[in-house]
Amino acid sequence: MYNYGEDAGKWKRGRLGVAGDEREIKIRRMTEEDIPQVKAIDELLAGPERALSWQVGADIEVAVYRPALSFVAELEGDIVGFVLGDIRGAEYGKDVSGWIDMVGVAPRYQHMGVGRRLVETFCGMCQQNKVNVEVVIRENDELLKGFFTSMGFRRGDLINFVKECASTE
């Protein structure tokens, strides 16, 4: 069992990352009660706002995988972002790692440091457990590649191969 930390459920406070905006953003563990607001944010990220890498809805991700290391960003009582993830066993011959399954920030709060704070919190919990953090994204997802690269992530050693077996007719 992994230590998700005594402080994992407590608020991590900080200012919204916009000059002159003194509102306080709070990062905390996600609860069942947060799922409707997480789903609402995820629905705002449809179409061109949606990351190419995460086409499955957040509510489905939560219902199927029950990610145990998930956090929300709260601003003035409203959820404005989330990160879904977990510490999982050796997949694909790799060591146990923290896996980020999905990150979402309401469009009007993007580019304000919300996603960065969420991922930093996730990484902090992984650091306490002495595991690396991994995320799988699509090759053509330039937005997420740029985001994760800016946070110190580098390309890993996994690649995937595909053989088309289904007829497209």
N, C-alpha and C. Protein backbone atom coordinates (compact mmCIF):
# COMPACT_ATOMS: atom_id res chain seq x y z
N MET A 1 0.85 -1.18 0.00
CA MET A 1 0.00 0.00 0.00
C MET A 1 0.89 1.24 0.00
N TYR A 2 0.43 2.24 -0.67
CA TYR A 2 1.22 3.46 -0.79
C TYR A 2 0.75 4.51 0.19
N ASN A 3 1.69 5.32 0.63
CA ASN A 3 1.39 6.40 1.54
C ASN A 3 0.90 7.59 0.74
N TYR A 4 -0.37 7.87 0.85
CA TYR A 4 -0.91 9.03 0.16
C TYR A 4 -0.82 10.25 1.07
N GLY A 5 -0.17 10.08 2.21
CA GLY A 5 0.18 11.20 3.07
C GLY A 5 -0.96 11.73 3.91
N GLU A 6 -0.62 12.06 5.14
CA GLU A 6 -1.61 12.67 6.03
C GLU A 6 -2.07 14.02 5.49
N ASP A 7 -1.15 14.71 4.81
CA ASP A 7 -1.50 16.05 4.32
C ASP A 7 -2.16 16.02 2.95
N ALA A 8 -2.33 14.84 2.39
CA ALA A 8 -2.88 14.76 1.03
C ALA A 8 -4.29 15.31 0.95
N GLY A 9 -5.04 15.27 2.02
CA GLY A 9 -6.40 15.78 1.99
C GLY A 9 -6.52 17.22 2.43
N LYS A 10 -5.41 17.81 2.87
CA LYS A 10 -5.44 19.18 3.36
C LYS A 10 -5.26 20.15 2.20
N TRP A 11 -5.66 21.37 2.43
CA TRP A 11 -5.52 22.42 1.43
C TRP A 11 -4.06 22.76 1.20
N LYS A 12 -3.71 22.97 -0.04
CA LYS A 12 -2.44 23.58 -0.41
C LYS A 12 -2.83 24.89 -1.06
N ARG A 13 -2.46 25.99 -0.41
CA ARG A 13 -2.93 27.30 -0.83
C ARG A 13 -1.89 28.04 -1.65
N GLY A 14 -2.37 28.93 -2.50
CA GLY A 14 -1.50 29.78 -3.28
C GLY A 14 -2.34 30.75 -4.08
N ARG A 15 -1.72 31.79 -4.54
CA ARG A 15 -2.42 32.80 -5.35
C ARG A 15 -2.59 32.32 -6.77
N LEU A 16 -3.67 32.74 -7.39
CA LEU A 16 -3.89 32.46 -8.80
C LEU A 16 -2.75 33.10 -9.58
N GLY A 17 -2.22 32.42 -10.57
CA GLY A 17 -1.02 32.86 -11.27
C GLY A 17 -1.25 33.96 -12.30
N VAL A 18 -1.94 35.01 -11.93
CA VAL A 18 -2.17 36.14 -12.83
C VAL A 18 -1.82 37.41 -12.07
N ALA A 19 -1.03 38.25 -12.71
CA ALA A 19 -0.63 39.51 -12.07
C ALA A 19 -1.85 40.30 -11.63
N GLY A 20 -1.84 40.73 -10.39
CA GLY A 20 -2.93 41.55 -9.86
C GLY A 20 -4.12 40.77 -9.34
N ASP A 21 -4.17 39.46 -9.58
CA ASP A 21 -5.30 38.65 -9.11
C ASP A 21 -4.89 38.00 -7.79
N GLU A 22 -5.46 38.46 -6.71
CA GLU A 22 -5.08 37.99 -5.38
C GLU A 22 -5.99 36.88 -4.85
N ARG A 23 -6.88 36.37 -5.69
CA ARG A 23 -7.72 35.27 -5.23
C ARG A 23 -6.88 34.04 -4.93
N GLU A 24 -7.31 33.32 -3.90
CA GLU A 24 -6.55 32.16 -3.45
C GLU A 24 -7.08 30.88 -4.07
N ILE A 25 -6.17 30.13 -4.67
CA ILE A 25 -6.53 28.83 -5.23
C ILE A 25 -6.13 27.76 -4.22
N LYS A 26 -6.97 26.76 -4.07
CA LYS A 26 -6.72 25.70 -3.10
C LYS A 26 -6.68 24.37 -3.85
N ILE A 27 -5.67 23.57 -3.56
CA ILE A 27 -5.56 22.23 -4.14
C ILE A 27 -5.84 21.24 -3.01
N ARG A 28 -6.75 20.31 -3.27
CA ARG A 28 -7.10 19.31 -2.26
C ARG A 28 -7.44 18.00 -2.94
N ARG A 29 -7.51 16.94 -2.12
CA ARG A 29 -7.89 15.63 -2.63
C ARG A 29 -9.32 15.68 -3.18
N MET A 30 -9.54 15.00 -4.28
CA MET A 30 -10.87 14.93 -4.88
C MET A 30 -11.73 13.98 -4.05
N THR A 31 -13.00 14.34 -3.88
CA THR A 31 -13.96 13.48 -3.19
C THR A 31 -15.08 13.10 -4.15
N GLU A 32 -15.89 12.16 -3.74
CA GLU A 32 -17.04 11.74 -4.56
C GLU A 32 -17.95 12.93 -4.88
N GLU A 33 -18.08 13.85 -3.93
CA GLU A 33 -18.95 15.01 -4.13
C GLU A 33 -18.44 15.94 -5.22
N ASP A 34 -17.16 15.85 -5.55
CA ASP A 34 -16.57 16.70 -6.59
C ASP A 34 -16.84 16.21 -8.00
N ILE A 35 -17.23 14.96 -8.15
CA ILE A 35 -17.33 14.35 -9.48
C ILE A 35 -18.27 15.13 -10.42
N PRO A 36 -19.45 15.60 -9.97
CA PRO A 36 -20.28 16.37 -10.91
C PRO A 36 -19.59 17.63 -11.44
N GLN A 37 -18.84 18.34 -10.59
CA GLN A 37 -18.14 19.54 -11.06
C GLN A 37 -16.96 19.17 -11.97
N VAL A 38 -16.29 18.07 -11.66
CA VAL A 38 -15.20 17.60 -12.53
C VAL A 38 -15.77 17.24 -13.89
N LYS A 39 -16.90 16.56 -13.90
CA LYS A 39 -17.55 16.20 -15.17
C LYS A 39 -17.95 17.46 -15.94
N ALA A 40 -18.45 18.46 -15.26
CA ALA A 40 -18.85 19.71 -15.92
C ALA A 40 -17.65 20.39 -16.58
N ILE A 41 -16.51 20.41 -15.89
CA ILE A 41 -15.30 20.99 -16.48
C ILE A 41 -14.89 20.17 -17.69
N ASP A 42 -14.91 18.86 -17.54
CA ASP A 42 -14.53 17.98 -18.64
C ASP A 42 -15.41 18.21 -19.87
N GLU A 43 -16.70 18.44 -19.65
CA GLU A 43 -17.61 18.69 -20.77
C GLU A 43 -17.31 20.02 -21.46
N LEU A 44 -16.77 20.99 -20.71
CA LEU A 44 -16.37 22.27 -21.32
C LEU A 44 -15.16 22.09 -22.24
N LEU A 45 -14.43 21.02 -22.04
CA LEU A 45 -13.20 20.78 -22.79
C LEU A 45 -13.46 19.94 -24.04
N ALA A 46 -14.68 19.96 -24.53
CA ALA A 46 -15.02 19.23 -25.76
C ALA A 46 -14.55 20.02 -26.97
N GLY A 47 -14.50 19.35 -28.10
CA GLY A 47 -14.12 20.02 -29.34
C GLY A 47 -12.68 20.47 -29.32
N PRO A 48 -12.39 21.66 -29.86
CA PRO A 48 -11.00 22.10 -29.97
C PRO A 48 -10.34 22.36 -28.62
N GLU A 49 -11.13 22.53 -27.55
CA GLU A 49 -10.55 22.75 -26.22
C GLU A 49 -10.04 21.46 -25.59
N ARG A 50 -10.44 20.31 -26.12
CA ARG A 50 -10.11 19.02 -25.52
C ARG A 50 -8.71 18.58 -25.92
N ALA A 51 -7.97 18.10 -24.95
CA ALA A 51 -6.65 17.54 -25.24
C ALA A 51 -6.83 16.31 -26.13
N LEU A 52 -6.04 16.22 -27.16
CA LEU A 52 -6.12 15.07 -28.07
C LEU A 52 -5.91 13.75 -27.35
N SER A 53 -5.11 13.79 -26.30
CA SER A 53 -4.74 12.56 -25.60
C SER A 53 -5.83 11.99 -24.73
N TRP A 54 -6.78 12.80 -24.33
CA TRP A 54 -7.78 12.34 -23.36
C TRP A 54 -9.17 12.47 -23.93
N GLN A 55 -9.57 11.50 -24.74
CA GLN A 55 -10.87 11.55 -25.39
C GLN A 55 -11.98 10.91 -24.54
N VAL A 56 -11.61 10.11 -23.54
CA VAL A 56 -12.59 9.51 -22.63
C VAL A 56 -12.97 10.55 -21.59
N GLY A 57 -14.26 10.63 -21.25
CA GLY A 57 -14.72 11.60 -20.27
C GLY A 57 -14.18 11.32 -18.88
N ALA A 58 -14.00 12.39 -18.10
CA ALA A 58 -13.48 12.26 -16.74
C ALA A 58 -14.39 11.40 -15.88
N ASP A 59 -15.71 11.51 -16.06
CA ASP A 59 -16.61 10.70 -15.25
C ASP A 59 -16.44 9.21 -15.54
N ILE A 60 -16.16 8.86 -16.78
CA ILE A 60 -15.93 7.46 -17.13
C ILE A 60 -14.60 7.00 -16.55
N GLU A 61 -13.59 7.84 -16.64
CA GLU A 61 -12.28 7.53 -16.07
C GLU A 61 -12.41 7.23 -14.57
N VAL A 62 -13.15 8.06 -13.86
CA VAL A 62 -13.33 7.87 -12.42
C VAL A 62 -14.14 6.60 -12.14
N ALA A 63 -15.23 6.40 -12.89
CA ALA A 63 -16.09 5.24 -12.64
C ALA A 63 -15.38 3.92 -12.91
N VAL A 64 -14.57 3.87 -13.95
CA VAL A 64 -13.92 2.62 -14.33
C VAL A 64 -12.65 2.37 -13.52
N TYR A 65 -11.80 3.39 -13.40
CA TYR A 65 -10.48 3.16 -12.81
C TYR A 65 -10.35 3.59 -11.35
N ARG A 66 -11.26 4.40 -10.86
CA ARG A 66 -11.23 4.86 -9.47
C ARG A 66 -9.85 5.35 -9.07
N PRO A 67 -9.28 6.32 -9.78
CA PRO A 67 -7.92 6.77 -9.48
C PRO A 67 -7.80 7.32 -8.06
N ALA A 68 -6.91 6.71 -7.28
CA ALA A 68 -6.83 7.01 -5.85
C ALA A 68 -6.04 8.27 -5.52
N LEU A 69 -5.27 8.77 -6.47
CA LEU A 69 -4.44 9.94 -6.19
C LEU A 69 -4.90 11.08 -7.10
N SER A 70 -6.08 11.61 -6.81
CA SER A 70 -6.69 12.64 -7.64
C SER A 70 -6.93 13.89 -6.80
N PHE A 71 -6.77 15.03 -7.45
CA PHE A 71 -6.87 16.32 -6.77
C PHE A 71 -7.74 17.27 -7.57
N VAL A 72 -8.32 18.24 -6.86
CA VAL A 72 -9.07 19.31 -7.51
C VAL A 72 -8.48 20.64 -7.10
N ALA A 73 -8.68 21.62 -7.98
CA ALA A 73 -8.31 23.01 -7.68
C ALA A 73 -9.61 23.75 -7.43
N GLU A 74 -9.67 24.44 -6.32
CA GLU A 74 -10.89 25.15 -5.93
C GLU A 74 -10.59 26.64 -5.80
N LEU A 75 -11.49 27.44 -6.36
CA LEU A 75 -11.36 28.88 -6.30
C LEU A 75 -12.70 29.45 -5.87
N GLU A 76 -12.72 30.12 -4.74
CA GLU A 76 -13.93 30.73 -4.20
C GLU A 76 -15.10 29.74 -4.17
N GLY A 77 -14.81 28.50 -3.76
CA GLY A 77 -15.84 27.48 -3.59
C GLY A 77 -16.19 26.68 -4.83
N ASP A 78 -15.63 27.04 -5.99
CA ASP A 78 -15.91 26.31 -7.23
C ASP A 78 -14.69 25.51 -7.66
N ILE A 79 -14.94 24.31 -8.16
CA ILE A 79 -13.87 23.50 -8.73
C ILE A 79 -13.53 24.08 -10.10
N VAL A 80 -12.25 24.39 -10.32
CA VAL A 80 -11.82 24.98 -11.60
C VAL A 80 -10.83 24.09 -12.34
N GLY A 81 -10.41 22.99 -11.73
CA GLY A 81 -9.50 22.08 -12.40
C GLY A 81 -9.36 20.79 -11.62
N PHE A 82 -8.76 19.78 -12.27
CA PHE A 82 -8.59 18.48 -11.64
C PHE A 82 -7.41 17.74 -12.26
N VAL A 83 -6.85 16.81 -11.51
CA VAL A 83 -5.89 15.84 -12.01
C VAL A 83 -6.34 14.48 -11.49
N LEU A 84 -6.43 13.52 -12.38
CA LEU A 84 -6.80 12.16 -12.02
C LEU A 84 -5.58 11.27 -12.20
N GLY A 85 -5.27 10.46 -11.20
CA GLY A 85 -4.12 9.58 -11.31
C GLY A 85 -4.03 8.62 -10.16
N ASP A 86 -2.96 7.85 -10.16
CA ASP A 86 -2.79 6.79 -9.17
C ASP A 86 -1.34 6.34 -9.17
N ILE A 87 -0.96 5.62 -8.14
CA ILE A 87 0.32 4.92 -8.11
C ILE A 87 -0.01 3.47 -8.42
N ARG A 88 0.59 2.99 -9.51
CA ARG A 88 0.24 1.65 -9.98
C ARG A 88 1.48 0.79 -10.18
N GLY A 89 1.18 -0.50 -10.26
CA GLY A 89 2.21 -1.52 -10.41
C GLY A 89 2.94 -1.48 -11.73
N ALA A 90 3.82 -2.41 -11.85
CA ALA A 90 4.73 -2.48 -12.99
C ALA A 90 3.96 -2.83 -14.26
N GLU A 91 3.67 -1.82 -15.06
CA GLU A 91 3.02 -2.01 -16.34
C GLU A 91 4.07 -1.93 -17.44
N TYR A 92 3.96 -2.76 -18.43
CA TYR A 92 4.85 -2.71 -19.59
C TYR A 92 6.32 -2.89 -19.19
N GLY A 93 6.55 -3.67 -18.13
CA GLY A 93 7.92 -3.93 -17.70
C GLY A 93 8.58 -2.76 -16.99
N LYS A 94 7.82 -1.77 -16.59
CA LYS A 94 8.36 -0.60 -15.91
C LYS A 94 8.19 -0.75 -14.41
N ASP A 95 8.93 0.06 -13.66
CA ASP A 95 8.79 0.07 -12.21
C ASP A 95 7.44 0.67 -11.81
N VAL A 96 7.06 0.47 -10.56
CA VAL A 96 5.88 1.12 -10.02
C VAL A 96 6.06 2.63 -10.19
N SER A 97 5.02 3.29 -10.64
CA SER A 97 5.10 4.73 -10.90
C SER A 97 3.79 5.40 -10.54
N GLY A 98 3.84 6.71 -10.39
CA GLY A 98 2.63 7.51 -10.34
C GLY A 98 2.22 7.80 -11.77
N TRP A 99 0.99 7.51 -12.12
CA TRP A 99 0.49 7.69 -13.48
C TRP A 99 -0.58 8.77 -13.49
N ILE A 100 -0.33 9.82 -14.25
CA ILE A 100 -1.36 10.84 -14.46
C ILE A 100 -2.24 10.35 -15.59
N ASP A 101 -3.53 10.19 -15.29
CA ASP A 101 -4.48 9.71 -16.29
C ASP A 101 -5.14 10.85 -17.05
N MET A 102 -5.34 11.98 -16.39
CA MET A 102 -6.03 13.09 -17.03
C MET A 102 -5.85 14.36 -16.21
N VAL A 103 -5.71 15.48 -16.89
CA VAL A 103 -5.68 16.79 -16.26
C VAL A 103 -6.69 17.65 -17.00
N GLY A 104 -7.48 18.41 -16.28
CA GLY A 104 -8.43 19.32 -16.93
C GLY A 104 -8.56 20.61 -16.14
N VAL A 105 -8.59 21.73 -16.87
CA VAL A 105 -8.78 23.04 -16.25
C VAL A 105 -9.85 23.76 -17.04
N ALA A 106 -10.82 24.32 -16.34
CA ALA A 106 -11.89 25.08 -17.00
C ALA A 106 -11.26 26.12 -17.93
N PRO A 107 -11.79 26.28 -19.14
CA PRO A 107 -11.16 27.18 -20.12
C PRO A 107 -10.84 28.57 -19.60
N ARG A 108 -11.71 29.16 -18.81
CA ARG A 108 -11.44 30.53 -18.36
C ARG A 108 -10.34 30.63 -17.32
N TYR A 109 -9.86 29.48 -16.80
CA TYR A 109 -8.78 29.46 -15.82
C TYR A 109 -7.50 28.85 -16.37
N GLN A 110 -7.49 28.56 -17.66
CA GLN A 110 -6.27 28.03 -18.27
C GLN A 110 -5.23 29.13 -18.39
N HIS A 111 -3.97 28.74 -18.40
CA HIS A 111 -2.83 29.67 -18.51
C HIS A 111 -2.71 30.58 -17.30
N MET A 112 -3.19 30.10 -16.16
CA MET A 112 -3.09 30.85 -14.90
C MET A 112 -2.34 30.05 -13.83
N GLY A 113 -1.76 28.93 -14.21
CA GLY A 113 -1.00 28.12 -13.27
C GLY A 113 -1.79 27.06 -12.53
N VAL A 114 -3.08 26.90 -12.86
CA VAL A 114 -3.92 25.92 -12.16
C VAL A 114 -3.44 24.50 -12.46
N GLY A 115 -3.28 24.18 -13.75
CA GLY A 115 -2.82 22.85 -14.13
C GLY A 115 -1.45 22.54 -13.54
N ARG A 116 -0.58 23.52 -13.57
CA ARG A 116 0.77 23.36 -13.02
C ARG A 116 0.70 23.02 -11.53
N ARG A 117 -0.12 23.74 -10.79
CA ARG A 117 -0.26 23.48 -9.34
C ARG A 117 -0.81 22.09 -9.08
N LEU A 118 -1.78 21.67 -9.89
CA LEU A 118 -2.34 20.33 -9.73
C LEU A 118 -1.28 19.25 -9.97
N VAL A 119 -0.55 19.38 -11.05
CA VAL A 119 0.48 18.38 -11.37
C VAL A 119 1.60 18.42 -10.34
N GLU A 120 1.99 19.60 -9.86
CA GLU A 120 3.01 19.70 -8.81
C GLU A 120 2.56 18.98 -7.54
N THR A 121 1.29 19.10 -7.20
CA THR A 121 0.76 18.42 -6.01
C THR A 121 0.83 16.91 -6.20
N PHE A 122 0.40 16.45 -7.37
CA PHE A 122 0.47 15.02 -7.69
C PHE A 122 1.92 14.53 -7.60
N CYS A 123 2.84 15.28 -8.20
CA CYS A 123 4.25 14.90 -8.18
C CYS A 123 4.81 14.88 -6.76
N GLY A 124 4.37 15.81 -5.93
CA GLY A 124 4.81 15.84 -4.55
C GLY A 124 4.43 14.59 -3.79
N MET A 125 3.22 14.10 -4.03
CA MET A 125 2.80 12.86 -3.37
C MET A 125 3.59 11.66 -3.89
N CYS A 126 3.91 11.68 -5.18
CA CYS A 126 4.73 10.60 -5.74
C CYS A 126 6.14 10.64 -5.17
N GLN A 127 6.67 11.84 -4.99
CA GLN A 127 8.00 11.99 -4.41
C GLN A 127 8.03 11.43 -2.99
N GLN A 128 6.97 11.69 -2.22
CA GLN A 128 6.90 11.13 -0.86
C GLN A 128 6.92 9.61 -0.89
N ASN A 129 6.39 9.02 -1.95
CA ASN A 129 6.35 7.57 -2.10
C ASN A 129 7.55 7.02 -2.88
N LYS A 130 8.48 7.93 -3.23
CA LYS A 130 9.71 7.55 -3.93
C LYS A 130 9.43 6.84 -5.25
N VAL A 131 8.46 7.36 -6.00
CA VAL A 131 8.17 6.83 -7.33
C VAL A 131 8.20 7.97 -8.35
N ASN A 132 8.57 7.64 -9.57
CA ASN A 132 8.55 8.60 -10.66
C ASN A 132 7.13 8.82 -11.13
N VAL A 133 6.93 9.87 -11.89
CA VAL A 133 5.61 10.19 -12.44
C VAL A 133 5.65 9.99 -13.95
N GLU A 134 4.63 9.36 -14.48
CA GLU A 134 4.53 9.12 -15.91
C GLU A 134 3.17 9.57 -16.40
N VAL A 135 3.13 9.92 -17.67
CA VAL A 135 1.88 10.27 -18.33
C VAL A 135 2.01 9.83 -19.78
N VAL A 136 0.95 9.29 -20.34
CA VAL A 136 0.95 8.88 -21.75
C VAL A 136 0.10 9.87 -22.51
N ILE A 137 0.69 10.45 -23.55
CA ILE A 137 -0.05 11.38 -24.40
C ILE A 137 0.18 11.01 -25.86
N ARG A 138 -0.67 11.52 -26.71
CA ARG A 138 -0.55 11.24 -28.14
C ARG A 138 0.63 12.00 -28.74
N GLU A 139 1.24 11.40 -29.73
CA GLU A 139 2.40 12.00 -30.41
C GLU A 139 2.07 13.38 -30.96
N ASN A 140 0.86 13.58 -31.47
CA ASN A 140 0.50 14.85 -32.10
C ASN A 140 -0.16 15.84 -31.14
N ASP A 141 -0.12 15.58 -29.85
CA ASP A 141 -0.73 16.48 -28.87
C ASP A 141 0.31 17.52 -28.43
N GLU A 142 0.52 18.50 -29.28
CA GLU A 142 1.56 19.50 -29.03
C GLU A 142 1.30 20.31 -27.76
N LEU A 143 0.04 20.58 -27.46
CA LEU A 143 -0.30 21.34 -26.26
C LEU A 143 0.17 20.62 -25.00
N LEU A 144 -0.19 19.35 -24.86
CA LEU A 144 0.23 18.61 -23.66
C LEU A 144 1.73 18.32 -23.66
N LYS A 145 2.30 18.07 -24.82
CA LYS A 145 3.75 17.86 -24.88
C LYS A 145 4.47 19.10 -24.35
N GLY A 146 4.03 20.26 -24.77
CA GLY A 146 4.64 21.51 -24.29
C GLY A 146 4.43 21.71 -22.80
N PHE A 147 3.22 21.43 -22.33
CA PHE A 147 2.91 21.61 -20.91
C PHE A 147 3.79 20.72 -20.05
N PHE A 148 3.83 19.43 -20.35
CA PHE A 148 4.60 18.51 -19.52
C PHE A 148 6.10 18.74 -19.65
N THR A 149 6.57 19.10 -20.83
CA THR A 149 7.99 19.42 -21.00
C THR A 149 8.36 20.63 -20.14
N SER A 150 7.48 21.63 -20.10
CA SER A 150 7.76 22.82 -19.29
C SER A 150 7.82 22.51 -17.80
N MET A 151 7.23 21.38 -17.42
CA MET A 151 7.25 20.99 -16.00
C MET A 151 8.37 20.01 -15.68
N GLY A 152 9.27 19.78 -16.64
CA GLY A 152 10.41 18.92 -16.37
C GLY A 152 10.24 17.48 -16.79
N PHE A 153 9.13 17.13 -17.41
CA PHE A 153 8.96 15.77 -17.93
C PHE A 153 9.80 15.64 -19.20
N ARG A 154 10.26 14.44 -19.47
CA ARG A 154 10.97 14.16 -20.71
C ARG A 154 10.34 12.93 -21.36
N ARG A 155 10.66 12.76 -22.62
CA ARG A 155 10.12 11.61 -23.35
C ARG A 155 10.63 10.33 -22.69
N GLY A 156 9.72 9.39 -22.46
CA GLY A 156 10.08 8.11 -21.84
C GLY A 156 10.48 7.08 -22.88
N ASP A 157 10.54 5.83 -22.46
CA ASP A 157 11.01 4.77 -23.33
C ASP A 157 9.91 3.87 -23.87
N LEU A 158 8.65 4.24 -23.69
CA LEU A 158 7.55 3.44 -24.24
C LEU A 158 7.18 3.93 -25.63
N ILE A 159 6.92 3.00 -26.52
CA ILE A 159 6.31 3.32 -27.81
C ILE A 159 5.21 2.30 -28.04
N ASN A 160 4.27 2.62 -28.90
CA ASN A 160 3.24 1.62 -29.17
C ASN A 160 3.25 1.27 -30.65
N PHE A 161 2.83 0.05 -30.96
CA PHE A 161 2.70 -0.42 -32.32
C PHE A 161 1.24 -0.78 -32.55
N VAL A 162 0.77 -0.57 -33.76
CA VAL A 162 -0.61 -0.86 -34.10
C VAL A 162 -0.64 -1.67 -35.38
N LYS A 163 -1.50 -2.69 -35.42
CA LYS A 163 -1.78 -3.44 -36.63
C LYS A 163 -3.26 -3.30 -36.89
N GLU A 164 -3.60 -2.73 -38.02
CA GLU A 164 -5.01 -2.55 -38.38
C GLU A 164 -5.61 -3.93 -38.70
N CYS A 165 -6.61 -4.32 -37.96
CA CYS A 165 -7.26 -5.61 -38.16
C CYS A 165 -8.71 -5.46 -38.56
N ALA A 166 -9.31 -4.34 -38.21
CA ALA A 166 -10.73 -4.12 -38.53
C ALA A 166 -10.84 -3.48 -39.90
N SER A 167 -11.85 -3.88 -40.61
CA SER A 167 -12.11 -3.29 -41.92
C SER A 167 -12.68 -1.91 -41.73
N THR A 168 -12.25 -0.95 -42.53
CA THR A 168 -12.76 0.41 -42.43
C THR A 168 -13.93 0.63 -43.37
N GLU A 169 -14.36 -0.42 -44.06
CA GLU A 169 -15.48 -0.28 -45.01
C GLU A 169 -16.82 -0.35 -44.35
